[in-house]
PDB file of N, CA and C in Angstrom:
ATOM      1  N   SER A   1       5.668  15.304   7.189  1.00  0.00           N
ATOM      2  CA  SER A   1       5.403  16.031   8.151  1.00  0.00           C
ATOM      3  C   SER A   1       4.773  17.442   8.186  1.00  0.00           C
ATOM      4  N   ARG A   2       4.028  17.606   9.338  1.00  0.00           N
ATOM      5  CA  ARG A   2       3.175  18.842   9.405  1.00  0.00           C
ATOM      6  C   ARG A   2       4.028  20.077   9.818  1.00  0.00           C
ATOM      7  N   PRO A   3       3.914  21.555   9.524  1.00  0.00           N
ATOM      8  CA  PRO A   3       4.599  22.607  10.001  1.00  0.00           C
ATOM      9  C   PRO A   3       3.887  22.635  11.492  1.00  0.00           C
ATOM     10  N   LYS A   4       4.753  23.074  12.449  1.00  0.00           N
ATOM     11  CA  LYS A   4       3.891  23.398  13.727  1.00  0.00           C
ATOM     12  C   LYS A   4       2.883  24.521  13.495  1.00  0.00           C
ATOM     13  N   ASP A   5       1.780  24.391  14.280  1.00  0.00           N
ATOM     14  CA  ASP A   5       0.811  25.610  14.029  1.00  0.00           C
ATOM     15  C   ASP A   5       1.374  26.985  14.437  1.00  0.00           C
ATOM     16  N   GLY A   6       1.064  27.621  13.187  1.00  0.00           N
ATOM     17  CA  GLY A   6       1.486  29.049  13.074  1.00  0.00           C
ATOM     18  C   GLY A   6       2.625  29.178  12.337  1.00  0.00           C
ATOM     19  N   GLU A   7       3.090  28.295  11.943  1.00  0.00           N
ATOM     20  CA  GLU A   7       4.533  27.990  11.410  1.00  0.00           C
ATOM     21  C   GLU A   7       4.335  28.082   9.870  1.00  0.00           C
ATOM     22  N   PRO A   8       4.842  28.967   9.151  1.00  0.00           N
ATOM     23  CA  PRO A   8       4.480  28.928   7.392  1.00  0.00           C
ATOM     24  C   PRO A   8       5.374  28.088   6.864  1.00  0.00           C
ATOM     25  N   GLY A   9       4.633  27.541   5.695  1.00  0.00           N
ATOM     26  CA  GLY A   9       5.690  26.643   4.865  1.00  0.00           C
ATOM     27  C   GLY A   9       5.013  25.676   4.409  1.00  0.00           C
ATOM     28  N   PRO A  10       5.192  24.942   3.501  1.00  0.00           N
ATOM     29  CA  PRO A  10       4.509  23.620   3.053  1.00  0.00           C
ATOM     30  C   PRO A  10       4.729  22.539   3.841  1.00  0.00           C
ATOM     31  N   ASN A  11       3.652  21.612   3.975  1.00  0.00           N
ATOM     32  CA  ASN A  11       3.905  20.257   4.416  1.00  0.00           C
ATOM     33  C   ASN A  11       4.744  19.328   3.580  1.00  0.00           C
ATOM     34  N   ASN A  12       5.553  18.679   4.086  1.00  0.00           N
ATOM     35  CA  ASN A  12       6.365  17.528   3.435  1.00  0.00           C
ATOM     36  C   ASN A  12       5.763  16.344   3.481  1.00  0.00           C
ATOM     37  N   PRO A  13       5.720  15.509   2.291  1.00  0.00           N
ATOM     38  CA  PRO A  13       5.042  14.392   2.706  1.00  0.00           C
ATOM     39  C   PRO A  13       5.901  13.299   3.051  1.00  0.00           C
ATOM     40  N   ALA A  14       4.992  12.377   3.813  1.00  0.00           N
ATOM     41  CA  ALA A  14       5.704  11.275   4.396  1.00  0.00           C
ATOM     42  C   ALA A  14       5.846   9.932   3.533  1.00  0.00           C
ATOM     43  N   ALA A  15       4.934  10.097   2.715  1.00  0.00           N
ATOM     44  CA  ALA A  15       5.058   9.206   1.552  1.00  0.00           C
ATOM     45  C   ALA A  15       4.147   9.897   0.551  1.00  0.00           C
ATOM     46  N   GLU A  16       4.698   9.497  -0.571  1.00  0.00           N
ATOM     47  CA  GLU A  16       3.872  10.025  -2.019  1.00  0.00           C
ATOM     48  C   GLU A  16       3.851   8.869  -2.831  1.00  0.00           C
ATOM     49  N   PHE A  17       3.109   8.615  -3.643  1.00  0.00           N
ATOM     50  CA  PHE A  17       2.803   6.980  -4.308  1.00  0.00           C
ATOM     51  C   PHE A  17       1.695   7.273  -5.476  1.00  0.00           C
ATOM     52  N   THR A  18       1.566   6.709  -6.249  1.00  0.00           N
ATOM     53  CA  THR A  18       0.668   6.521  -7.440  1.00  0.00           C
ATOM     54  C   THR A  18      -0.079   5.172  -7.354  1.00  0.00           C
ATOM     55  N   ILE A  19      -1.241   5.271  -7.470  1.00  0.00           N
ATOM     56  CA  ILE A  19      -2.395   4.218  -7.260  1.00  0.00           C
ATOM     57  C   ILE A  19      -3.067   3.947  -8.925  1.00  0.00           C
ATOM     58  N   LYS A  20      -2.627   2.931  -9.381  1.00  0.00           N
ATOM     59  CA  LYS A  20      -3.064   2.609 -10.572  1.00  0.00           C
ATOM     60  C   LYS A  20      -4.741   2.223 -10.502  1.00  0.00           C
ATOM     61  N   GLY A  21      -5.124   2.410 -11.784  1.00  0.00           N
ATOM     62  CA  GLY A  21      -6.811   2.404 -11.913  1.00  0.00           C
ATOM     63  C   GLY A  21      -7.075   0.717 -11.359  1.00  0.00           C
ATOM     64  N   GLY A  22      -8.124   0.668 -10.779  1.00  0.00           N
ATOM     65  CA  GLY A  22      -8.394  -0.857 -10.510  1.00  0.00           C
ATOM     66  C   GLY A  22      -7.582  -1.577  -9.401  1.00  0.00           C
ATOM     67  N   GLU A  23      -6.665  -0.496  -8.554  1.00  0.00           N
ATOM     68  CA  GLU A  23      -5.794  -1.048  -7.531  1.00  0.00           C
ATOM     69  C   GLU A  23      -6.477  -0.324  -6.077  1.00  0.00           C
ATOM     70  N   LYS A  24      -6.177  -1.360  -4.904  1.00  0.00           N
ATOM     71  CA  LYS A  24      -6.611  -0.928  -3.715  1.00  0.00           C
ATOM     72  C   LYS A  24      -5.550  -1.142  -2.715  1.00  0.00           C
ATOM     73  N   ILE A  25      -4.719  -0.226  -2.015  1.00  0.00           N
ATOM     74  CA  ILE A  25      -3.675  -0.428  -1.147  1.00  0.00           C
ATOM     75  C   ILE A  25      -3.895  -0.205   0.193  1.00  0.00           C
ATOM     76  N   ASN A  26      -3.352  -0.842   1.129  1.00  0.00           N
ATOM     77  CA  ASN A  26      -3.369  -0.850   2.734  1.00  0.00           C
ATOM     78  C   ASN A  26      -1.813   0.125   3.040  1.00  0.00           C
ATOM     79  N   LEU A  27      -1.967   0.975   3.530  1.00  0.00           N
ATOM     80  CA  LEU A  27      -1.050   1.928   4.039  1.00  0.00           C
ATOM     81  C   LEU A  27      -0.849   1.722   5.418  1.00  0.00           C
ATOM     82  N   GLU A  28      -0.157   0.793   6.119  1.00  0.00           N
ATOM     83  CA  GLU A  28      -0.108   0.582   7.461  1.00  0.00           C
ATOM     84  C   GLU A  28       0.822   1.313   8.047  1.00  0.00           C
ATOM     85  N   ILE A  29       0.374   1.838   9.259  1.00  0.00           N
ATOM     86  CA  ILE A  29       1.358   2.603  10.274  1.00  0.00           C
ATOM     87  C   ILE A  29       1.346   1.629  11.359  1.00  0.00           C
ATOM     88  N   GLU A  30       2.694   0.707  11.643  1.00  0.00           N
ATOM     89  CA  GLU A  30       2.789  -0.200  12.494  1.00  0.00           C
ATOM     90  C   GLU A  30       3.316   0.106  13.813  1.00  0.00           C
ATOM     91  N   GLY A  31       3.531  -0.406  14.828  1.00  0.00           N
ATOM     92  CA  GLY A  31       4.233  -0.286  15.888  1.00  0.00           C
ATOM     93  C   GLY A  31       3.620   0.977  16.794  1.00  0.00           C
ATOM     94  N   VAL A  32       2.594   1.045  16.734  1.00  0.00           N
ATOM     95  CA  VAL A  32       1.790   1.817  17.575  1.00  0.00           C
ATOM     96  C   VAL A  32       1.311   1.346  18.895  1.00  0.00           C
ATOM     97  N   GLU A  33       1.987   2.282  20.096  1.00  0.00           N
ATOM     98  CA  GLU A  33       1.834   1.574  21.263  1.00  0.00           C
ATOM     99  C   GLU A  33       0.615   1.923  21.967  1.00  0.00           C
ATOM    100  N   SER A  34       0.081   1.385  23.089  1.00  0.00           N
ATOM    101  CA  SER A  34      -0.823   1.855  24.099  1.00  0.00           C
ATOM    102  C   SER A  34      -0.709   3.179  24.290  1.00  0.00           C
ATOM    103  N   GLY A  35      -1.738   4.044  24.321  1.00  0.00           N
ATOM    104  CA  GLY A  35      -1.689   5.414  24.658  1.00  0.00           C
ATOM    105  C   GLY A  35      -1.273   6.452  23.576  1.00  0.00           C
ATOM    106  N   ALA A  36      -0.599   5.965  22.749  1.00  0.00           N
ATOM    107  CA  ALA A  36      -0.238   6.548  21.555  1.00  0.00           C
ATOM    108  C   ALA A  36      -1.345   7.370  20.765  1.00  0.00           C
ATOM    109  N   THR A  37      -0.935   8.525  20.352  1.00  0.00           N
ATOM    110  CA  THR A  37      -1.876   9.336  19.374  1.00  0.00           C
ATOM    111  C   THR A  37      -1.248   9.406  18.276  1.00  0.00           C
ATOM    112  N   ILE A  38      -2.041   8.912  17.226  1.00  0.00           N
ATOM    113  CA  ILE A  38      -1.485   9.110  15.533  1.00  0.00           C
ATOM    114  C   ILE A  38      -2.524   9.818  14.675  1.00  0.00           C
ATOM    115  N   LEU A  39      -1.878  10.746  14.177  1.00  0.00           N
ATOM    116  CA  LEU A  39      -2.462  11.902  13.118  1.00  0.00           C
ATOM    117  C   LEU A  39      -2.082  11.909  11.707  1.00  0.00           C
ATOM    118  N   TRP A  40      -2.963  12.052  10.887  1.00  0.00           N
ATOM    119  CA  TRP A  40      -2.558  11.695   9.383  1.00  0.00           C
ATOM    120  C   TRP A  40      -3.324  12.616   8.582  1.00  0.00           C
ATOM    121  N   ASP A  41      -2.921  12.855   7.279  1.00  0.00           N
ATOM    122  CA  ASP A  41      -3.763  13.878   6.433  1.00  0.00           C
ATOM    123  C   ASP A  41      -3.426  13.096   4.877  1.00  0.00           C
ATOM    124  N   LEU A  42      -4.663  12.912   4.418  1.00  0.00           N
ATOM    125  CA  LEU A  42      -4.479  12.412   3.298  1.00  0.00           C
ATOM    126  C   LEU A  42      -4.938  13.343   2.063  1.00  0.00           C
ATOM    127  N   VAL A  43      -4.060  13.185   0.938  1.00  0.00           N
ATOM    128  CA  VAL A  43      -4.448  14.150  -0.044  1.00  0.00           C
ATOM    129  C   VAL A  43      -4.298  13.682  -1.481  1.00  0.00           C
ATOM    130  N   VAL A  44      -5.122  14.045  -2.365  1.00  0.00           N
ATOM    131  CA  VAL A  44      -5.341  13.721  -3.695  1.00  0.00           C
ATOM    132  C   VAL A  44      -4.897  14.371  -4.654  1.00  0.00           C
ATOM    133  N   GLY A  45      -4.257  14.198  -5.850  1.00  0.00           N
ATOM    134  CA  GLY A  45      -4.114  14.589  -6.836  1.00  0.00           C
ATOM    135  C   GLY A  45      -4.702  13.882  -7.985  1.00  0.00           C
ATOM    136  N   GLY A  46      -5.639  14.629  -8.784  1.00  0.00           N
ATOM    137  CA  GLY A  46      -6.293  14.243 -10.036  1.00  0.00           C
ATOM    138  C   GLY A  46      -7.590  14.078  -9.593  1.00  0.00           C
ATOM    139  N   TRP A  47      -8.561  13.054  -9.789  1.00  0.00           N
ATOM    140  CA  TRP A  47     -10.141  12.911  -9.808  1.00  0.00           C
ATOM    141  C   TRP A  47     -10.469  12.465  -8.389  1.00  0.00           C
ATOM    142  N   GLU A  48     -10.588  11.135  -7.876  1.00  0.00           N
ATOM    143  CA  GLU A  48     -11.180  11.045  -6.418  1.00  0.00           C
ATOM    144  C   GLU A  48     -10.727   9.382  -6.239  1.00  0.00           C
ATOM    145  N   VAL A  49     -10.636   9.248  -4.849  1.00  0.00           N
ATOM    146  CA  VAL A  49     -10.477   7.720  -4.484  1.00  0.00           C
ATOM    147  C   VAL A  49     -11.309   7.792  -3.256  1.00  0.00           C
ATOM    148  N   THR A  50     -11.489   6.425  -3.138  1.00  0.00           N
ATOM    149  CA  THR A  50     -12.211   6.026  -1.715  1.00  0.00           C
ATOM    150  C   THR A  50     -11.285   5.765  -0.454  1.00  0.00           C
ATOM    151  N   TYR A  51     -11.725   6.285   0.465  1.00  0.00           N
ATOM    152  CA  TYR A  51     -10.533   5.409   1.679  1.00  0.00           C
ATOM    153  C   TYR A  51     -11.353   5.492   2.799  1.00  0.00           C
ATOM    154  N   TRP A  52     -10.785   4.429   3.671  1.00  0.00           N
ATOM    155  CA  TRP A  52     -11.464   4.224   4.885  1.00  0.00           C
ATOM    156  C   TRP A  52     -10.192   3.878   6.072  1.00  0.00           C
ATOM    157  N   THR A  53     -10.283   4.041   7.527  1.00  0.00           N
ATOM    158  CA  THR A  53      -9.237   3.894   8.486  1.00  0.00           C
ATOM    159  C   THR A  53      -9.705   2.962   9.059  1.00  0.00           C
ATOM    160  N   GLU A  54      -8.803   1.756   9.648  1.00  0.00           N
ATOM    161  CA  GLU A  54      -8.931   0.811  10.627  1.00  0.00           C
ATOM    162  C   GLU A  54      -7.828   0.891  11.540  1.00  0.00           C
ATOM    163  N   PHE A  55      -8.000   0.512  12.983  1.00  0.00           N
ATOM    164  CA  PHE A  55      -7.137  -0.039  13.902  1.00  0.00           C
ATOM    165  C   PHE A  55      -7.206  -1.485  14.009  1.00  0.00           C
ATOM    166  N   ASP A  56      -5.985  -1.822  13.871  1.00  0.00           N
ATOM    167  CA  ASP A  56      -5.741  -3.584  14.152  1.00  0.00           C
ATOM    168  C   ASP A  56      -5.157  -3.552  14.995  1.00  0.00           C
ATOM    169  N   PRO A  57      -5.322  -4.030  16.289  1.00  0.00           N
ATOM    170  CA  PRO A  57      -4.767  -4.535  17.580  1.00  0.00           C
ATOM    171  C   PRO A  57      -3.936  -5.695  17.420  1.00  0.00           C
ATOM    172  N   SER A  58      -2.689  -5.533  18.212  1.00  0.00           N
ATOM    173  CA  SER A  58      -1.611  -6.670  18.380  1.00  0.00           C
ATOM    174  C   SER A  58      -2.219  -8.186  18.967  1.00  0.00           C
ATOM    175  N   ALA A  59      -3.293  -7.844  19.896  1.00  0.00           N
ATOM    176  CA  ALA A  59      -3.971  -8.658  20.711  1.00  0.00           C
ATOM    177  C   ALA A  59      -4.768  -9.717  19.792  1.00  0.00           C
ATOM    178  N   GLY A  60      -4.428 -11.031  19.773  1.00  0.00           N
ATOM    179  CA  GLY A  60      -5.249 -11.876  18.977  1.00  0.00           C
ATOM    180  C   GLY A  60      -6.732 -11.758  19.139  1.00  0.00           C
ATOM    181  N   ARG A  61      -7.081 -11.392  20.592  1.00  0.00           N
ATOM    182  CA  ARG A  61      -8.471 -11.706  21.111  1.00  0.00           C
ATOM    183  C   ARG A  61      -9.151 -10.188  20.941  1.00  0.00           C
ATOM    184  N   SER A  62      -8.594  -9.187  20.240  1.00  0.00           N
ATOM    185  CA  SER A  62      -9.354  -8.311  19.879  1.00  0.00           C
ATOM    186  C   SER A  62      -9.853  -7.827  18.768  1.00  0.00           C
ATOM    187  N   TYR A  63     -10.844  -7.101  18.698  1.00  0.00           N
ATOM    188  CA  TYR A  63     -11.281  -6.995  17.406  1.00  0.00           C
ATOM    189  C   TYR A  63     -10.873  -5.439  16.819  1.00  0.00           C
ATOM    190  N   THR A  64     -11.028  -5.648  15.190  1.00  0.00           N
ATOM    191  CA  THR A  64     -10.715  -4.407  14.447  1.00  0.00           C
ATOM    192  C   THR A  64     -11.583  -3.481  14.732  1.00  0.00           C
ATOM    193  N   THR A  65     -11.157  -2.164  14.929  1.00  0.00           N
ATOM    194  CA  THR A  65     -12.054  -0.872  15.159  1.00  0.00           C
ATOM    195  C   THR A  65     -11.956  -0.190  13.854  1.00  0.00           C
ATOM    196  N   VAL A  66     -13.073   0.311  13.201  1.00  0.00           N
ATOM    197  CA  VAL A  66     -13.221   1.149  12.041  1.00  0.00           C
ATOM    198  C   VAL A  66     -13.134   2.770  12.652  1.00  0.00           C
ATOM    199  N   ILE A  67     -12.023   3.162  11.896  1.00  0.00           N
ATOM    200  CA  ILE A  67     -11.761   4.650  12.563  1.00  0.00           C
ATOM    201  C   ILE A  67     -12.466   5.697  11.728  1.00  0.00           C
ATOM    202  N   ASP A  68     -12.417   5.657  10.590  1.00  0.00           N
ATOM    203  CA  ASP A  68     -13.124   6.329   9.420  1.00  0.00           C
ATOM    204  C   ASP A  68     -14.014   5.506   8.539  1.00  0.00           C
ATOM    205  N   LYS A  69     -15.429   5.870   8.432  1.00  0.00           N
ATOM    206  CA  LYS A  69     -15.863   5.213   7.484  1.00  0.00           C
ATOM    207  C   LYS A  69     -15.698   5.617   6.073  1.00  0.00           C
ATOM    208  N   ARG A  70     -15.719   4.454   5.238  1.00  0.00           N
ATOM    209  CA  ARG A  70     -15.661   4.658   3.695  1.00  0.00           C
ATOM    210  C   ARG A  70     -16.056   6.395   3.438  1.00  0.00           C
ATOM    211  N   ARG A  71     -15.209   6.965   2.500  1.00  0.00           N
ATOM    212  CA  ARG A  71     -15.614   8.088   2.047  1.00  0.00           C
ATOM    213  C   ARG A  71     -15.030   8.444   0.703  1.00  0.00           C
ATOM    214  N   LYS A  72     -15.443   9.295   0.017  1.00  0.00           N
ATOM    215  CA  LYS A  72     -14.800   9.843  -1.187  1.00  0.00           C
ATOM    216  C   LYS A  72     -13.760  10.993  -0.919  1.00  0.00           C
ATOM    217  N   LEU A  73     -12.805  10.964  -1.666  1.00  0.00           N
ATOM    218  CA  LEU A  73     -11.907  12.169  -1.616  1.00  0.00           C
ATOM    219  C   LEU A  73     -11.306  12.696  -2.877  1.00  0.00           C
ATOM    220  N   CYS A  74     -12.015  13.779  -3.191  1.00  0.00           N
ATOM    221  CA  CYS A  74     -11.518  14.591  -4.522  1.00  0.00           C
ATOM    222  C   CYS A  74     -10.072  15.375  -4.272  1.00  0.00           C
ATOM    223  N   SER A  75      -9.421  15.718  -5.629  1.00  0.00           N
ATOM    224  CA  SER A  75      -8.374  16.743  -5.384  1.00  0.00           C
ATOM    225  C   SER A  75      -8.798  17.886  -4.924  1.00  0.00           C
ATOM    226  N   SER A  76     -10.286  18.374  -5.471  1.00  0.00           N
ATOM    227  CA  SER A  76     -10.634  19.967  -4.735  1.00  0.00           C
ATOM    228  C   SER A  76     -10.928  19.725  -3.119  1.00  0.00           C
ATOM    229  N   ASP A  77     -11.180  18.578  -2.645  1.00  0.00           N
ATOM    230  CA  ASP A  77     -11.568  18.443  -1.280  1.00  0.00           C
ATOM    231  C   ASP A  77     -10.460  18.994  -0.572  1.00  0.00           C
ATOM    232  N   GLU A  78     -10.843  19.461   0.887  1.00  0.00           N
ATOM    233  CA  GLU A  78      -9.755  19.504   1.950  1.00  0.00           C
ATOM    234  C   GLU A  78      -9.012  18.207   2.231  1.00  0.00           C
ATOM    235  N   PRO A  79      -7.788  18.033   2.495  1.00  0.00           N
ATOM    236  CA  PRO A  79      -7.089  16.900   3.100  1.00  0.00           C
ATOM    237  C   PRO A  79      -8.116  16.188   3.864  1.00  0.00           C
ATOM    238  N   GLY A  80      -7.997  14.646   3.857  1.00  0.00           N
ATOM    239  CA  GLY A  80      -8.782  13.743   4.628  1.00  0.00           C
ATOM    240  C   GLY A  80      -7.795  13.929   5.753  1.00  0.00           C
ATOM    241  N   CYS A  81      -8.323  14.270   7.075  1.00  0.00           N
ATOM    242  CA  CYS A  81      -7.490  14.537   8.140  1.00  0.00           C
ATOM    243  C   CYS A  81      -8.296  13.858   9.500  1.00  0.00           C
ATOM    244  N   ASN A  82      -7.460  12.997  10.361  1.00  0.00           N
ATOM    245  CA  ASN A  82      -8.082  12.535  11.327  1.00  0.00           C
ATOM    246  C   ASN A  82      -6.775  12.119  12.423  1.00  0.00           C
ATOM    247  N   SER A  83      -7.006  11.610  13.577  1.00  0.00           N
ATOM    248  CA  SER A  83      -6.238  11.302  14.506  1.00  0.00           C
ATOM    249  C   SER A  83      -7.039  10.046  15.247  1.00  0.00           C
ATOM    250  N   PHE A  84      -6.033   9.229  16.027  1.00  0.00           N
ATOM    251  CA  PHE A  84      -6.630   8.198  16.727  1.00  0.00           C
ATOM    252  C   PHE A  84      -5.883   7.820  18.214  1.00  0.00           C
ATOM    253  N   LYS A  85      -6.540   7.903  19.083  1.00  0.00           N
ATOM    254  CA  LYS A  85      -5.789   7.423  20.315  1.00  0.00           C
ATOM    255  C   LYS A  85      -5.753   6.057  20.718  1.00  0.00           C
ATOM    256  N   ALA A  86      -4.720   5.310  20.479  1.00  0.00           N
ATOM    257  CA  ALA A  86      -4.917   3.871  20.729  1.00  0.00           C
ATOM    258  C   ALA A  86      -4.888   3.317  22.255  1.00  0.00           C
ATOM    259  N   SER A  87      -5.893   2.461  22.462  1.00  0.00           N
ATOM    260  CA  SER A  87      -5.979   2.100  23.838  1.00  0.00           C
ATOM    261  C   SER A  87      -5.139   0.744  24.132  1.00  0.00           C
ATOM    262  N   GLU A  88      -4.654   0.120  23.243  1.00  0.00           N
ATOM    263  CA  GLU A  88      -3.776  -1.036  23.177  1.00  0.00           C
ATOM    264  C   GLU A  88      -2.682  -0.691  21.949  1.00  0.00           C
ATOM    265  N   ALA A  89      -1.877  -1.733  22.015  1.00  0.00           N
ATOM    266  CA  ALA A  89      -0.818  -1.662  20.911  1.00  0.00           C
ATOM    267  C   ALA A  89      -1.579  -2.292  19.519  1.00  0.00           C
ATOM    268  N   GLY A  90      -0.947  -1.976  18.418  1.00  0.00           N
ATOM    269  CA  GLY A  90      -1.456  -2.298  17.179  1.00  0.00           C
ATOM    270  C   GLY A  90      -0.967  -1.617  15.958  1.00  0.00           C
ATOM    271  N   LYS A  91      -1.752  -1.546  15.113  1.00  0.00           N
ATOM    272  CA  LYS A  91      -1.368  -0.791  13.705  1.00  0.00           C
ATOM    273  C   LYS A  91      -2.737  -0.158  13.223  1.00  0.00           C
ATOM    274  N   VAL A  92      -2.252   1.183  12.759  1.00  0.00           N
ATOM    275  CA  VAL A  92      -3.385   1.864  12.017  1.00  0.00           C
ATOM    276  C   VAL A  92      -3.454   1.189  10.505  1.00  0.00           C
ATOM    277  N   VAL A  93      -4.313   1.074   9.724  1.00  0.00           N
ATOM    278  CA  VAL A  93      -4.217   0.927   8.578  1.00  0.00           C
ATOM    279  C   VAL A  93      -5.233   1.972   7.595  1.00  0.00           C
ATOM    280  N   LEU A  94      -4.534   2.626   6.728  1.00  0.00           N
ATOM    281  CA  LEU A  94      -5.623   3.783   5.684  1.00  0.00           C
ATOM    282  C   LEU A  94      -5.559   2.834   4.548  1.00  0.00           C
ATOM    283  N   ILE A  95      -6.920   2.325   4.079  1.00  0.00           N
ATOM    284  CA  ILE A  95      -7.370   1.557   3.074  1.00  0.00           C
ATOM    285  C   ILE A  95      -7.659   2.726   1.965  1.00  0.00           C
ATOM    286  N   ILE A  96      -6.571   2.693   0.694  1.00  0.00           N
ATOM    287  CA  ILE A  96      -7.004   3.556  -0.382  1.00  0.00           C
ATOM    288  C   ILE A  96      -7.683   2.926  -1.600  1.00  0.00           C
ATOM    289  N   ASP A  97      -8.771   3.094  -1.895  1.00  0.00           N
ATOM    290  CA  ASP A  97      -9.193   2.536  -3.142  1.00  0.00           C
ATOM    291  C   ASP A  97      -9.579   3.391  -4.363  1.00  0.00           C
ATOM    292  N   ASN A  98      -9.004   2.768  -5.185  1.00  0.00           N
ATOM    293  CA  ASN A  98      -9.078   3.466  -6.684  1.00  0.00           C
ATOM    294  C   ASN A  98      -9.622   2.556  -7.793  1.00  0.00           C
ATOM    295  N   THR A  99     -10.437   1.520  -7.482  1.00  0.00           N
ATOM    296  CA  THR A  99     -10.716   0.677  -8.457  1.00  0.00           C
ATOM    297  C   THR A  99     -11.831   1.136  -9.368  1.00  0.00           C
ATOM    298  N   LEU A 100     -12.380   2.377  -8.998  1.00  0.00           N
ATOM    299  CA  LEU A 100     -13.133   2.710 -10.133  1.00  0.00           C
ATOM    300  C   LEU A 100     -12.746   4.007 -10.813  1.00  0.00           C
ATOM    301  N   SER A 101     -11.353   4.202 -11.044  1.00  0.00           N
ATOM    302  CA  SER A 101     -10.841   5.483 -11.526  1.00  0.00           C
ATOM    303  C   SER A 101      -9.524   5.162 -12.500  1.00  0.00           C
ATOM    304  N   ARG A 102      -8.811   6.177 -12.927  1.00  0.00           N
ATOM    305  CA  ARG A 102      -7.747   6.054 -13.489  1.00  0.00           C
ATOM    306  C   ARG A 102      -6.633   6.081 -12.449  1.00  0.00           C
ATOM    307  N   LYS A 103      -5.407   6.316 -12.860  1.00  0.00           N
ATOM    308  CA  LYS A 103      -4.373   6.565 -11.652  1.00  0.00           C
ATOM    309  C   LYS A 103      -4.434   7.811 -11.111  1.00  0.00           C
ATOM    310  N   LYS A 104      -4.088   7.927  -9.464  1.00  0.00           N
ATOM    311  CA  LYS A 104      -4.081   9.303  -8.794  1.00  0.00           C
ATOM    312  C   LYS A 104      -3.006   9.094  -8.184  1.00  0.00           C
ATOM    313  N   LYS A 105      -2.387  10.214  -7.591  1.00  0.00           N
ATOM    314  CA  LYS A 105      -1.384  10.540  -6.929  1.00  0.00           C
ATOM    315  C   LYS A 105      -2.183  10.645  -5.479  1.00  0.00           C
ATOM    316  N   ALA A 106      -1.285  10.103  -4.506  1.00  0.00           N
ATOM    317  CA  ALA A 106      -1.831  10.392  -3.022  1.00  0.00           C
ATOM    318  C   ALA A 106      -0.753  10.671  -2.355  1.00  0.00           C
ATOM    319  N   ALA A 107      -0.719  11.440  -0.830  1.00  0.00           N
ATOM    320  CA  ALA A 107       0.406  11.691  -0.458  1.00  0.00           C
ATOM    321  C   ALA A 107      -0.284  11.654   1.048  1.00  0.00           C
ATOM    322  N   THR A 108       0.606  11.207   1.852  1.00  0.00           N
ATOM    323  CA  THR A 108       0.099  11.149   3.528  1.00  0.00           C
ATOM    324  C   THR A 108       1.204  11.880   4.281  1.00  0.00           C
ATOM    325  N   TYR A 109       0.539  12.616   5.045  1.00  0.00           N
ATOM    326  CA  TYR A 109       1.593  13.431   6.170  1.00  0.00           C
ATOM    327  C   TYR A 109       1.402  13.145   7.730  1.00  0.00           C
TER     328      TYR A 109
END
């Protein structure tokens, strides 16, 4: 969870995990309702990972939408932050790819 604007203090990770070398994971935020706004921050400890974000609608006739294009994130970078307002129900998927590196820690807020 993020602290409110102007409120001091560290963020509390919603999820913290280790990604092994050669591994790619999909972190799914399910139950996104139409009109909902989803916010996330992605932080890496270690060297670097590649990540991108997609929205997968619940309706079978709709297409997956790319929210964030593929980009590298290093521990020295600012957190990967973004938001998405859903026009229909579905899920947001953060894809974190560590296939080129050794194990890294990542946390989402």
